[in-house]
Amino acid sequence: MALTLTDQDKSTLRTAAYGAVSLLAAADAAGSPHRIATNGSIALATATGPVGHVLAEKSAVNGLDGRTVAELADHVLPALTAAATLLDAQDPAEADNFRGIVNIALTTATRSRKGEPSPAMAEMTRRINEALAA
């Protein structure tokens, strides 16, 4: 099945994926949010497949200017669900690819941490995965 995405669809995918990394970085504000954001963004930009091409485009990511973690989550979590739903409807394999890409980015973002993730990061990861599965 061919994947046909409008510019709005592509924007939703980028907002969802890069927003997930931003949420994780914001949840670790007392630790190393810059490193988390950088590592996660690199993982997203190097993804493969049709979704990887969308994420690699250097287009603006909308709605990631929230002043609080809650404001950011209010925008990103629905975008994650919308992106997964959109891809499920068009190409379930690409929906699985998208979920995998986001999970790899989250894992990559946190791999440089020593020890267990903070409770806030663990909870944010749970919420991100919940939104992707909805």
C-alpha atoms as a PDB file:
ATOM      1  CA  MET A   1       0.000   0.000   0.000  1.00  0.00           C
ATOM      2  CA  ALA A   2       1.355   3.428  -0.906  1.00  0.00           C
ATOM      3  CA  LEU A   3       1.600   6.114   1.717  1.00  0.00           C
ATOM      4  CA  THR A   4       0.049   9.427   0.664  1.00  0.00           C
ATOM      5  CA  LEU A   5       0.655  12.295   3.072  1.00  0.00           C
ATOM      6  CA  THR A   6      -0.475  15.882   2.838  1.00  0.00           C
ATOM      7  CA  ASP A   7       1.705  18.698   4.137  1.00  0.00           C
ATOM      8  CA  GLN A   8      -0.504  18.781   7.247  1.00  0.00           C
ATOM      9  CA  ASP A   9      -0.024  15.027   7.745  1.00  0.00           C
ATOM     10  CA  LYS A  10       3.745  15.450   7.499  1.00  0.00           C
ATOM     11  CA  SER A  11       3.605  18.299   9.975  1.00  0.00           C
ATOM     12  CA  THR A  12       1.640  16.118  12.392  1.00  0.00           C
ATOM     13  CA  LEU A  13       4.224  13.319  12.105  1.00  0.00           C
ATOM     14  CA  ARG A  14       7.119  15.710  12.761  1.00  0.00           C
ATOM     15  CA  THR A  15       5.314  17.420  15.640  1.00  0.00           C
ATOM     16  CA  ALA A  16       4.510  14.059  17.208  1.00  0.00           C
ATOM     17  CA  ALA A  17       7.986  12.545  16.882  1.00  0.00           C
ATOM     18  CA  TYR A  18      10.082  15.588  17.744  1.00  0.00           C
ATOM     19  CA  GLY A  19       7.529  16.553  20.383  1.00  0.00           C
ATOM     20  CA  ALA A  20       7.950  13.172  22.090  1.00  0.00           C
ATOM     21  CA  VAL A  21      11.678  13.811  22.381  1.00  0.00           C
ATOM     22  CA  SER A  22      11.001  17.339  23.642  1.00  0.00           C
ATOM     23  CA  LEU A  23       8.621  15.996  26.285  1.00  0.00           C
ATOM     24  CA  LEU A  24      11.228  13.551  27.506  1.00  0.00           C
ATOM     25  CA  ALA A  25      13.841  16.308  27.648  1.00  0.00           C
ATOM     26  CA  ALA A  26      11.453  18.574  29.546  1.00  0.00           C
ATOM     27  CA  ALA A  27      10.757  15.777  32.033  1.00  0.00           C
ATOM     28  CA  ASP A  28      14.497  15.693  32.785  1.00  0.00           C
ATOM     29  CA  ALA A  29      14.870  19.448  33.193  1.00  0.00           C
ATOM     30  CA  ALA A  30      17.090  19.021  36.245  1.00  0.00           C
ATOM     31  CA  GLY A  31      19.379  16.546  34.460  1.00  0.00           C
ATOM     32  CA  SER A  32      20.612  16.874  30.899  1.00  0.00           C
ATOM     33  CA  PRO A  33      17.672  17.970  28.725  1.00  0.00           C
ATOM     34  CA  HIS A  34      19.943  19.326  25.980  1.00  0.00           C
ATOM     35  CA  ARG A  35      21.699  15.969  25.574  1.00  0.00           C
ATOM     36  CA  ILE A  36      18.351  14.145  25.541  1.00  0.00           C
ATOM     37  CA  ALA A  37      16.956  16.484  22.878  1.00  0.00           C
ATOM     38  CA  THR A  38      20.094  16.249  20.750  1.00  0.00           C
ATOM     39  CA  ASN A  39      20.405  12.455  20.885  1.00  0.00           C
ATOM     40  CA  GLY A  40      16.701  11.926  20.267  1.00  0.00           C
ATOM     41  CA  SER A  41      16.615  14.388  17.373  1.00  0.00           C
ATOM     42  CA  ILE A  42      19.590  12.723  15.712  1.00  0.00           C
ATOM     43  CA  ALA A  43      17.828   9.362  15.967  1.00  0.00           C
ATOM     44  CA  LEU A  44      14.696  10.814  14.357  1.00  0.00           C
ATOM     45  CA  ALA A  45      16.620  12.544  11.568  1.00  0.00           C
ATOM     46  CA  THR A  46      18.362   9.280  10.649  1.00  0.00           C
ATOM     47  CA  ALA A  47      15.217   7.129  10.528  1.00  0.00           C
ATOM     48  CA  THR A  48      14.440   5.151   7.373  1.00  0.00           C
ATOM     49  CA  GLY A  49      11.407   4.354   5.265  1.00  0.00           C
ATOM     50  CA  PRO A  50       8.731   6.776   4.106  1.00  0.00           C
ATOM     51  CA  VAL A  51       8.266   8.105   7.642  1.00  0.00           C
ATOM     52  CA  GLY A  52      12.023   8.550   7.949  1.00  0.00           C
ATOM     53  CA  HIS A  53      11.981  10.762   4.859  1.00  0.00           C
ATOM     54  CA  VAL A  54       9.284  12.932   6.420  1.00  0.00           C
ATOM     55  CA  LEU A  55      11.166  13.242   9.717  1.00  0.00           C
ATOM     56  CA  ALA A  56      14.419  14.086   7.934  1.00  0.00           C
ATOM     57  CA  GLU A  57      12.881  17.071   6.140  1.00  0.00           C
ATOM     58  CA  LYS A  58      14.065  20.308   7.665  1.00  0.00           C
ATOM     59  CA  SER A  59      10.588  21.785   7.914  1.00  0.00           C
ATOM     60  CA  ALA A  60       9.367  23.653  10.949  1.00  0.00           C
ATOM     61  CA  VAL A  61       7.842  21.677  13.778  1.00  0.00           C
ATOM     62  CA  ASN A  62       4.674  23.374  14.978  1.00  0.00           C
ATOM     63  CA  GLY A  63       3.365  23.723  18.490  1.00  0.00           C
ATOM     64  CA  LEU A  64       6.486  22.932  20.488  1.00  0.00           C
ATOM     65  CA  ASP A  65       6.655  26.326  22.134  1.00  0.00           C
ATOM     66  CA  GLY A  66       4.780  25.472  25.332  1.00  0.00           C
ATOM     67  CA  ARG A  67       6.054  27.166  28.446  1.00  0.00           C
ATOM     68  CA  THR A  68       5.371  24.204  30.686  1.00  0.00           C
ATOM     69  CA  VAL A  69       5.594  20.456  30.337  1.00  0.00           C
ATOM     70  CA  ALA A  70       1.806  20.325  30.657  1.00  0.00           C
ATOM     71  CA  GLU A  71       1.303  22.743  27.741  1.00  0.00           C
ATOM     72  CA  LEU A  72       3.734  20.770  25.616  1.00  0.00           C
ATOM     73  CA  ALA A  73       2.032  17.486  26.536  1.00  0.00           C
ATOM     74  CA  ASP A  74      -1.388  18.955  25.674  1.00  0.00           C
ATOM     75  CA  HIS A  75      -0.144  19.452  22.118  1.00  0.00           C
ATOM     76  CA  VAL A  76       2.198  16.502  21.601  1.00  0.00           C
ATOM     77  CA  LEU A  77       0.259  13.580  23.081  1.00  0.00           C
ATOM     78  CA  PRO A  78      -2.775  14.142  20.792  1.00  0.00           C
ATOM     79  CA  ALA A  79      -0.368  14.578  17.846  1.00  0.00           C
ATOM     80  CA  LEU A  80       1.182  11.186  18.633  1.00  0.00           C
ATOM     81  CA  THR A  81      -2.248   9.561  18.629  1.00  0.00           C
ATOM     82  CA  ALA A  82      -3.251  11.386  15.426  1.00  0.00           C
ATOM     83  CA  ALA A  83      -0.032  10.362  13.672  1.00  0.00           C
ATOM     84  CA  ALA A  84      -0.404   6.698  14.644  1.00  0.00           C
ATOM     85  CA  THR A  85      -4.091   6.691  13.646  1.00  0.00           C
ATOM     86  CA  LEU A  86      -3.330   8.339  10.309  1.00  0.00           C
ATOM     87  CA  LEU A  87      -0.609   5.831   9.507  1.00  0.00           C
ATOM     88  CA  ASP A  88      -2.697   2.853  10.728  1.00  0.00           C
ATOM     89  CA  ALA A  89      -5.416   3.856   8.259  1.00  0.00           C
ATOM     90  CA  GLN A  90      -3.045   4.168   5.304  1.00  0.00           C
ATOM     91  CA  ASP A  91      -0.275   1.663   5.915  1.00  0.00           C
ATOM     92  CA  PRO A  92      -0.147  -0.385   9.139  1.00  0.00           C
ATOM     93  CA  ALA A  93       3.474  -1.361   8.487  1.00  0.00           C
ATOM     94  CA  GLU A  94       4.475   2.310   8.382  1.00  0.00           C
ATOM     95  CA  ALA A  95       2.465   2.907  11.565  1.00  0.00           C
ATOM     96  CA  ASP A  96       4.569   0.221  13.240  1.00  0.00           C
ATOM     97  CA  ASN A  97       7.685   1.796  11.736  1.00  0.00           C
ATOM     98  CA  PHE A  98       6.681   5.184  13.177  1.00  0.00           C
ATOM     99  CA  ARG A  99       6.106   3.715  16.637  1.00  0.00           C
ATOM    100  CA  GLY A 100       9.470   1.972  16.435  1.00  0.00           C
ATOM    101  CA  ILE A 101      11.230   5.141  15.305  1.00  0.00           C
ATOM    102  CA  VAL A 102       9.793   7.118  18.217  1.00  0.00           C
ATOM    103  CA  ASN A 103      10.742   4.383  20.688  1.00  0.00           C
ATOM    104  CA  ILE A 104      14.282   4.191  19.308  1.00  0.00           C
ATOM    105  CA  ALA A 105      14.566   7.967  19.607  1.00  0.00           C
ATOM    106  CA  LEU A 106      13.404   7.835  23.240  1.00  0.00           C
ATOM    107  CA  THR A 107      15.836   5.022  24.034  1.00  0.00           C
ATOM    108  CA  THR A 108      18.674   6.825  22.270  1.00  0.00           C
ATOM    109  CA  ALA A 109      17.832  10.054  24.043  1.00  0.00           C
ATOM    110  CA  THR A 110      18.182   8.470  27.450  1.00  0.00           C
ATOM    111  CA  ARG A 111      21.016   6.012  26.843  1.00  0.00           C
ATOM    112  CA  SER A 112      23.678   8.415  28.108  1.00  0.00           C
ATOM    113  CA  ARG A 113      22.010   8.655  31.522  1.00  0.00           C
ATOM    114  CA  LYS A 114      23.618   6.871  34.401  1.00  0.00           C
ATOM    115  CA  GLY A 115      21.310   4.674  36.419  1.00  0.00           C
ATOM    116  CA  GLU A 116      17.572   4.404  36.144  1.00  0.00           C
ATOM    117  CA  PRO A 117      15.451   7.131  34.554  1.00  0.00           C
ATOM    118  CA  SER A 118      13.821   9.520  36.971  1.00  0.00           C
ATOM    119  CA  PRO A 119      10.199   8.840  37.908  1.00  0.00           C
ATOM    120  CA  ALA A 120       9.166  11.843  35.797  1.00  0.00           C
ATOM    121  CA  MET A 121      10.969  10.486  32.731  1.00  0.00           C
ATOM    122  CA  ALA A 122       9.533   7.006  33.244  1.00  0.00           C
ATOM    123  CA  GLU A 123       6.025   8.447  33.530  1.00  0.00           C
ATOM    124  CA  MET A 124       6.499  10.596  30.410  1.00  0.00           C
ATOM    125  CA  THR A 125       7.741   7.570  28.461  1.00  0.00           C
ATOM    126  CA  ARG A 126       4.655   5.645  29.607  1.00  0.00           C
ATOM    127  CA  ARG A 127       2.358   8.465  28.469  1.00  0.00           C
ATOM    128  CA  ILE A 128       4.103   8.740  25.097  1.00  0.00           C
ATOM    129  CA  ASN A 129       3.745   4.987  24.493  1.00  0.00           C
ATOM    130  CA  GLU A 130       0.124   5.128  25.615  1.00  0.00           C
ATOM    131  CA  ALA A 131      -0.573   7.906  23.097  1.00  0.00           C
ATOM    132  CA  LEU A 132       1.118   5.928  20.324  1.00  0.00           C
ATOM    133  CA  ALA A 133      -0.984   2.857  21.111  1.00  0.00           C
ATOM    134  CA  ALA A 134      -4.340   4.679  21.261  1.00  0.00           C
END
